Amino acid sequence: MRFIPTRIHGILDYVIGVALIAAPWIFGFSDQRAAMWVPIILGAGLILYSLLTEYELGVIKAIPMPVHLALDGISGLFLAASPWLFGFADESSNVWVPHVVVGVFEILAALTTQTRPAYEMVEGGRRMGV
């Protein structure tokens, strides 16, 4: 069931992108190379492809929403698996738990967000306003 509007998803994209970039310092793992760089790179990527997405908060509108959601799912899976892929799952919980929690959240958001922005919805044969 897709119940999250794309406008709300867009807000979450930018908030989570910034939070991922800041996570190593917020959670105190900036001294752990892989654990630090994975969220920074994924956060920057999230902001970049959000700017390019065809939804209310996209600037260039080049990436269709279903592609954006697929990127979110792949990114979330990679983020959630990264503690095991890069060998920091045995570190303290402040290092690996944020990766898993945010990764699972990204996957769930990708599965429950509407695939068309509100301005593309048709009502009575007319386009709704932006």
N, C-alpha and C. Protein backbone atom coordinates (compact mmCIF):
# COMPACT_ATOMS: atom_id res chain seq x y z
N MET A 1 0.84 -1.17 0.00
CA MET A 1 0.00 0.00 0.00
C MET A 1 0.89 1.25 0.00
N ARG A 2 0.68 2.11 -0.96
CA ARG A 2 1.48 3.33 -1.11
C ARG A 2 0.68 4.52 -0.58
N PHE A 3 1.01 4.95 0.64
CA PHE A 3 0.24 6.00 1.29
C PHE A 3 1.04 7.27 1.56
N ILE A 4 2.35 7.25 1.38
CA ILE A 4 3.16 8.45 1.63
C ILE A 4 3.13 9.33 0.37
N PRO A 5 2.64 10.56 0.48
CA PRO A 5 2.64 11.45 -0.68
C PRO A 5 4.08 11.81 -1.09
N THR A 6 4.27 12.06 -2.37
CA THR A 6 5.61 12.37 -2.85
C THR A 6 6.16 13.66 -2.24
N ARG A 7 5.31 14.60 -1.92
CA ARG A 7 5.77 15.85 -1.28
C ARG A 7 6.40 15.54 0.08
N ILE A 8 5.76 14.70 0.87
CA ILE A 8 6.31 14.30 2.18
C ILE A 8 7.61 13.51 1.98
N HIS A 9 7.60 12.62 1.00
CA HIS A 9 8.80 11.84 0.69
C HIS A 9 9.96 12.77 0.33
N GLY A 10 9.66 13.81 -0.43
CA GLY A 10 10.69 14.77 -0.82
C GLY A 10 11.31 15.46 0.38
N ILE A 11 10.47 15.87 1.32
CA ILE A 11 10.99 16.49 2.54
C ILE A 11 11.89 15.52 3.27
N LEU A 12 11.43 14.28 3.41
CA LEU A 12 12.23 13.25 4.08
C LEU A 12 13.56 13.04 3.36
N ASP A 13 13.54 13.06 2.02
CA ASP A 13 14.78 12.86 1.25
C ASP A 13 15.86 13.86 1.66
N TYR A 14 15.51 15.13 1.70
CA TYR A 14 16.51 16.15 2.02
C TYR A 14 16.93 16.09 3.49
N VAL A 15 15.98 15.84 4.39
CA VAL A 15 16.32 15.73 5.82
C VAL A 15 17.24 14.52 6.05
N ILE A 16 16.89 13.39 5.47
CA ILE A 16 17.70 12.18 5.65
C ILE A 16 19.06 12.34 4.97
N GLY A 17 19.10 12.98 3.81
CA GLY A 17 20.38 13.21 3.14
C GLY A 17 21.34 14.00 4.02
N VAL A 18 20.85 15.09 4.60
CA VAL A 18 21.68 15.90 5.50
C VAL A 18 22.04 15.11 6.76
N ALA A 19 21.08 14.38 7.30
CA ALA A 19 21.33 13.58 8.52
C ALA A 19 22.38 12.50 8.26
N LEU A 20 22.34 11.86 7.09
CA LEU A 20 23.35 10.85 6.76
C LEU A 20 24.74 11.47 6.68
N ILE A 21 24.83 12.64 6.08
CA ILE A 21 26.13 13.32 5.97
C ILE A 21 26.65 13.67 7.36
N ALA A 22 25.77 14.08 8.26
CA ALA A 22 26.18 14.48 9.61
C ALA A 22 26.29 13.31 10.59
N ALA A 23 25.75 12.15 10.25
CA ALA A 23 25.69 11.00 11.17
C ALA A 23 27.01 10.62 11.81
N PRO A 24 28.12 10.58 11.07
CA PRO A 24 29.37 10.17 11.73
C PRO A 24 29.74 11.06 12.92
N TRP A 25 29.40 12.33 12.88
CA TRP A 25 29.72 13.23 13.98
C TRP A 25 28.62 13.21 15.04
N ILE A 26 27.38 13.05 14.62
CA ILE A 26 26.26 12.97 15.56
C ILE A 26 26.40 11.73 16.45
N PHE A 27 26.74 10.59 15.83
CA PHE A 27 26.80 9.33 16.57
C PHE A 27 28.21 8.95 17.01
N GLY A 28 29.20 9.77 16.70
CA GLY A 28 30.55 9.57 17.20
C GLY A 28 31.34 8.45 16.55
N PHE A 29 31.18 8.26 15.23
CA PHE A 29 31.99 7.26 14.56
C PHE A 29 32.79 7.85 13.40
N SER A 30 33.12 9.12 13.50
CA SER A 30 33.87 9.79 12.42
C SER A 30 35.31 9.29 12.31
N ASP A 31 35.75 8.53 13.29
CA ASP A 31 37.12 7.99 13.25
C ASP A 31 37.17 6.60 12.59
N GLN A 32 36.04 6.10 12.14
CA GLN A 32 35.96 4.77 11.51
C GLN A 32 35.72 4.96 10.01
N ARG A 33 36.73 4.73 9.21
CA ARG A 33 36.69 5.09 7.78
C ARG A 33 35.46 4.59 7.02
N ALA A 34 35.23 3.31 6.93
CA ALA A 34 34.11 2.79 6.14
C ALA A 34 32.78 3.23 6.75
N ALA A 35 32.67 3.11 8.06
CA ALA A 35 31.43 3.49 8.73
C ALA A 35 31.12 4.97 8.51
N MET A 36 32.16 5.79 8.38
CA MET A 36 31.98 7.22 8.16
C MET A 36 31.60 7.52 6.71
N TRP A 37 32.32 6.95 5.76
CA TRP A 37 32.14 7.32 4.35
C TRP A 37 30.87 6.79 3.73
N VAL A 38 30.40 5.63 4.15
CA VAL A 38 29.17 5.07 3.55
C VAL A 38 27.99 6.04 3.70
N PRO A 39 27.66 6.52 4.90
CA PRO A 39 26.52 7.44 4.99
C PRO A 39 26.78 8.79 4.33
N ILE A 40 28.01 9.27 4.35
CA ILE A 40 28.30 10.55 3.70
C ILE A 40 28.05 10.45 2.20
N ILE A 41 28.56 9.41 1.58
CA ILE A 41 28.39 9.23 0.13
C ILE A 41 26.92 9.00 -0.22
N LEU A 42 26.24 8.14 0.55
CA LEU A 42 24.83 7.87 0.27
C LEU A 42 23.96 9.10 0.53
N GLY A 43 24.29 9.88 1.55
CA GLY A 43 23.54 11.11 1.83
C GLY A 43 23.69 12.13 0.72
N ALA A 44 24.91 12.32 0.24
CA ALA A 44 25.15 13.25 -0.87
C ALA A 44 24.45 12.76 -2.13
N GLY A 45 24.51 11.45 -2.38
CA GLY A 45 23.83 10.88 -3.54
C GLY A 45 22.32 11.08 -3.45
N LEU A 46 21.76 10.88 -2.26
CA LEU A 46 20.32 11.06 -2.05
C LEU A 46 19.91 12.50 -2.37
N ILE A 47 20.67 13.45 -1.89
CA ILE A 47 20.36 14.85 -2.17
C ILE A 47 20.46 15.12 -3.67
N LEU A 48 21.49 14.59 -4.31
CA LEU A 48 21.68 14.82 -5.74
C LEU A 48 20.52 14.25 -6.56
N TYR A 49 20.17 12.96 -6.34
CA TYR A 49 19.10 12.41 -7.18
C TYR A 49 17.73 12.94 -6.77
N SER A 50 17.59 13.48 -5.57
CA SER A 50 16.34 14.15 -5.19
C SER A 50 16.18 15.46 -5.96
N LEU A 51 17.26 16.18 -6.13
CA LEU A 51 17.22 17.42 -6.91
C LEU A 51 16.82 17.15 -8.36
N LEU A 52 17.11 15.94 -8.85
CA LEU A 52 16.85 15.57 -10.23
C LEU A 52 15.55 14.79 -10.43
N THR A 53 14.75 14.63 -9.38
CA THR A 53 13.55 13.78 -9.45
C THR A 53 12.32 14.57 -9.88
N GLU A 54 11.45 13.89 -10.62
CA GLU A 54 10.16 14.46 -11.05
C GLU A 54 9.15 14.37 -9.91
N TYR A 55 9.29 15.26 -8.94
CA TYR A 55 8.31 15.40 -7.87
C TYR A 55 8.34 16.83 -7.38
N GLU A 56 7.49 17.13 -6.42
CA GLU A 56 7.30 18.51 -5.99
C GLU A 56 8.59 19.21 -5.58
N LEU A 57 9.51 18.51 -4.99
CA LEU A 57 10.73 19.14 -4.49
C LEU A 57 11.95 18.93 -5.39
N GLY A 58 11.72 18.36 -6.57
CA GLY A 58 12.80 18.22 -7.54
C GLY A 58 13.04 19.54 -8.25
N VAL A 59 14.28 19.80 -8.62
CA VAL A 59 14.61 21.06 -9.29
C VAL A 59 14.65 20.87 -10.80
N ILE A 60 15.29 19.80 -11.27
CA ILE A 60 15.45 19.59 -12.71
C ILE A 60 14.40 18.63 -13.27
N LYS A 61 13.87 17.74 -12.49
CA LYS A 61 12.79 16.81 -12.86
C LYS A 61 13.15 15.92 -14.04
N ALA A 62 14.26 15.24 -13.92
CA ALA A 62 14.74 14.34 -14.98
C ALA A 62 14.56 12.86 -14.63
N ILE A 63 14.45 12.53 -13.36
CA ILE A 63 14.35 11.13 -12.93
C ILE A 63 12.90 10.83 -12.55
N PRO A 64 12.27 9.86 -13.19
CA PRO A 64 10.89 9.50 -12.81
C PRO A 64 10.82 8.99 -11.37
N MET A 65 9.71 9.21 -10.73
CA MET A 65 9.54 8.81 -9.34
C MET A 65 9.78 7.31 -9.11
N PRO A 66 9.30 6.42 -9.98
CA PRO A 66 9.59 5.00 -9.75
C PRO A 66 11.10 4.69 -9.75
N VAL A 67 11.85 5.39 -10.57
CA VAL A 67 13.32 5.20 -10.59
C VAL A 67 13.91 5.72 -9.28
N HIS A 68 13.43 6.87 -8.84
CA HIS A 68 13.89 7.42 -7.56
C HIS A 68 13.64 6.42 -6.42
N LEU A 69 12.44 5.85 -6.41
CA LEU A 69 12.11 4.90 -5.35
C LEU A 69 12.97 3.64 -5.43
N ALA A 70 13.30 3.21 -6.63
CA ALA A 70 14.21 2.06 -6.79
C ALA A 70 15.59 2.41 -6.24
N LEU A 71 16.07 3.62 -6.53
CA LEU A 71 17.36 4.06 -5.99
C LEU A 71 17.32 4.11 -4.46
N ASP A 72 16.20 4.58 -3.91
CA ASP A 72 16.04 4.59 -2.44
C ASP A 72 16.13 3.18 -1.87
N GLY A 73 15.44 2.24 -2.51
CA GLY A 73 15.47 0.86 -2.03
C GLY A 73 16.85 0.25 -2.09
N ILE A 74 17.55 0.46 -3.19
CA ILE A 74 18.92 -0.07 -3.34
C ILE A 74 19.85 0.59 -2.32
N SER A 75 19.73 1.90 -2.19
CA SER A 75 20.56 2.64 -1.22
C SER A 75 20.28 2.16 0.20
N GLY A 76 19.01 1.98 0.53
CA GLY A 76 18.64 1.51 1.86
C GLY A 76 19.17 0.12 2.15
N LEU A 77 19.09 -0.75 1.17
CA LEU A 77 19.62 -2.11 1.32
C LEU A 77 21.13 -2.07 1.54
N PHE A 78 21.81 -1.27 0.74
CA PHE A 78 23.27 -1.15 0.86
C PHE A 78 23.64 -0.56 2.22
N LEU A 79 22.92 0.49 2.65
CA LEU A 79 23.21 1.11 3.94
C LEU A 79 22.98 0.13 5.09
N ALA A 80 21.87 -0.61 5.04
CA ALA A 80 21.56 -1.56 6.11
C ALA A 80 22.56 -2.72 6.15
N ALA A 81 23.07 -3.12 5.00
CA ALA A 81 24.02 -4.23 4.94
C ALA A 81 25.47 -3.78 5.14
N SER A 82 25.72 -2.49 5.07
CA SER A 82 27.10 -2.00 5.11
C SER A 82 27.91 -2.40 6.35
N PRO A 83 27.32 -2.52 7.53
CA PRO A 83 28.14 -2.96 8.67
C PRO A 83 28.77 -4.34 8.45
N TRP A 84 28.08 -5.21 7.74
CA TRP A 84 28.61 -6.54 7.47
C TRP A 84 29.49 -6.55 6.22
N LEU A 85 29.11 -5.75 5.24
CA LEU A 85 29.91 -5.66 4.01
C LEU A 85 31.28 -5.07 4.26
N PHE A 86 31.36 -4.10 5.18
CA PHE A 86 32.62 -3.39 5.42
C PHE A 86 33.26 -3.72 6.76
N GLY A 87 32.69 -4.69 7.48
CA GLY A 87 33.33 -5.22 8.67
C GLY A 87 33.27 -4.36 9.93
N PHE A 88 32.24 -3.55 10.08
CA PHE A 88 32.14 -2.79 11.33
C PHE A 88 30.90 -3.18 12.15
N ALA A 89 30.33 -4.35 11.85
CA ALA A 89 29.17 -4.83 12.60
C ALA A 89 29.54 -5.22 14.03
N ASP A 90 30.82 -5.49 14.28
CA ASP A 90 31.26 -5.86 15.62
C ASP A 90 31.63 -4.65 16.48
N GLU A 91 31.54 -3.47 15.92
CA GLU A 91 31.83 -2.25 16.68
C GLU A 91 30.66 -1.97 17.63
N SER A 92 30.78 -0.93 18.42
CA SER A 92 29.70 -0.59 19.35
C SER A 92 28.44 -0.19 18.58
N SER A 93 27.32 -0.26 19.25
CA SER A 93 26.03 -0.05 18.59
C SER A 93 25.89 1.35 18.00
N ASN A 94 26.58 2.35 18.54
CA ASN A 94 26.47 3.70 17.98
C ASN A 94 27.07 3.78 16.57
N VAL A 95 27.86 2.78 16.19
CA VAL A 95 28.49 2.76 14.87
C VAL A 95 27.58 2.09 13.85
N TRP A 96 27.06 0.92 14.15
CA TRP A 96 26.34 0.16 13.13
C TRP A 96 24.82 0.33 13.16
N VAL A 97 24.23 0.60 14.32
CA VAL A 97 22.77 0.71 14.41
C VAL A 97 22.20 1.83 13.52
N PRO A 98 22.81 3.03 13.49
CA PRO A 98 22.25 4.06 12.60
C PRO A 98 22.20 3.62 11.13
N HIS A 99 23.20 2.88 10.68
CA HIS A 99 23.21 2.39 9.30
C HIS A 99 22.02 1.46 9.05
N VAL A 100 21.79 0.55 9.96
CA VAL A 100 20.71 -0.43 9.79
C VAL A 100 19.35 0.24 9.89
N VAL A 101 19.16 1.08 10.90
CA VAL A 101 17.86 1.71 11.11
C VAL A 101 17.49 2.62 9.94
N VAL A 102 18.40 3.48 9.52
CA VAL A 102 18.10 4.38 8.41
C VAL A 102 17.94 3.59 7.11
N GLY A 103 18.75 2.55 6.92
CA GLY A 103 18.62 1.72 5.73
C GLY A 103 17.26 1.05 5.64
N VAL A 104 16.80 0.48 6.74
CA VAL A 104 15.47 -0.16 6.76
C VAL A 104 14.38 0.89 6.54
N PHE A 105 14.53 2.07 7.14
CA PHE A 105 13.56 3.14 6.94
C PHE A 105 13.49 3.53 5.46
N GLU A 106 14.64 3.64 4.80
CA GLU A 106 14.66 3.98 3.37
C GLU A 106 13.93 2.93 2.54
N ILE A 107 14.15 1.67 2.85
CA ILE A 107 13.48 0.59 2.12
C ILE A 107 11.96 0.69 2.31
N LEU A 108 11.52 0.87 3.56
CA LEU A 108 10.09 0.98 3.84
C LEU A 108 9.47 2.20 3.16
N ALA A 109 10.19 3.32 3.17
CA ALA A 109 9.69 4.53 2.51
C ALA A 109 9.57 4.31 1.00
N ALA A 110 10.54 3.60 0.42
CA ALA A 110 10.49 3.31 -1.02
C ALA A 110 9.29 2.44 -1.37
N LEU A 111 8.94 1.53 -0.48
CA LEU A 111 7.83 0.61 -0.74
C LEU A 111 6.45 1.22 -0.47
N THR A 112 6.41 2.31 0.29
CA THR A 112 5.11 2.86 0.69
C THR A 112 4.84 4.27 0.15
N THR A 113 5.73 4.80 -0.68
CA THR A 113 5.52 6.13 -1.25
C THR A 113 4.79 6.02 -2.58
N GLN A 114 3.89 6.94 -2.81
CA GLN A 114 3.15 6.98 -4.07
C GLN A 114 4.13 7.17 -5.24
N THR A 115 3.79 6.63 -6.38
CA THR A 115 4.71 6.66 -7.52
C THR A 115 4.49 7.85 -8.45
N ARG A 116 3.47 8.65 -8.15
CA ARG A 116 3.21 9.84 -8.97
C ARG A 116 2.99 11.04 -8.06
N PRO A 117 3.61 12.17 -8.38
CA PRO A 117 3.36 13.37 -7.58
C PRO A 117 1.93 13.86 -7.74
N ALA A 118 1.46 14.62 -6.78
CA ALA A 118 0.08 15.11 -6.78
C ALA A 118 -0.24 15.91 -8.03
N TYR A 119 0.72 16.66 -8.56
CA TYR A 119 0.42 17.48 -9.74
C TYR A 119 0.21 16.64 -10.99
N GLU A 120 0.52 15.34 -10.94
CA GLU A 120 0.24 14.46 -12.08
C GLU A 120 -1.08 13.72 -11.93
N MET A 121 -1.66 13.77 -10.76
CA MET A 121 -2.92 13.07 -10.53
C MET A 121 -4.02 13.74 -11.36
N VAL A 122 -4.90 12.93 -11.88
CA VAL A 122 -5.97 13.45 -12.71
C VAL A 122 -7.28 13.35 -11.95
N GLU A 123 -8.05 14.45 -11.96
CA GLU A 123 -9.34 14.47 -11.28
C GLU A 123 -10.38 14.96 -12.30
N GLY A 124 -11.32 14.10 -12.64
CA GLY A 124 -12.35 14.48 -13.59
C GLY A 124 -11.81 14.86 -14.96
N GLY A 125 -10.72 14.22 -15.38
CA GLY A 125 -10.14 14.48 -16.69
C GLY A 125 -9.27 15.72 -16.74
N ARG A 126 -9.11 16.43 -15.62
CA ARG A 126 -8.27 17.62 -15.58
C ARG A 126 -7.08 17.40 -14.68
N ARG A 127 -5.99 18.03 -15.00
CA ARG A 127 -4.82 17.97 -14.12
C ARG A 127 -5.06 18.82 -12.89
N MET A 128 -4.64 18.29 -11.76
CA MET A 128 -4.73 19.08 -10.54
C MET A 128 -3.57 20.06 -10.51
N GLY A 129 -3.74 21.16 -9.82
CA GLY A 129 -2.69 22.18 -9.73
C GLY A 129 -1.50 21.70 -8.90
N VAL A 130 -0.38 22.40 -9.07
CA VAL A 130 0.86 22.05 -8.37
C VAL A 130 0.73 22.44 -6.95
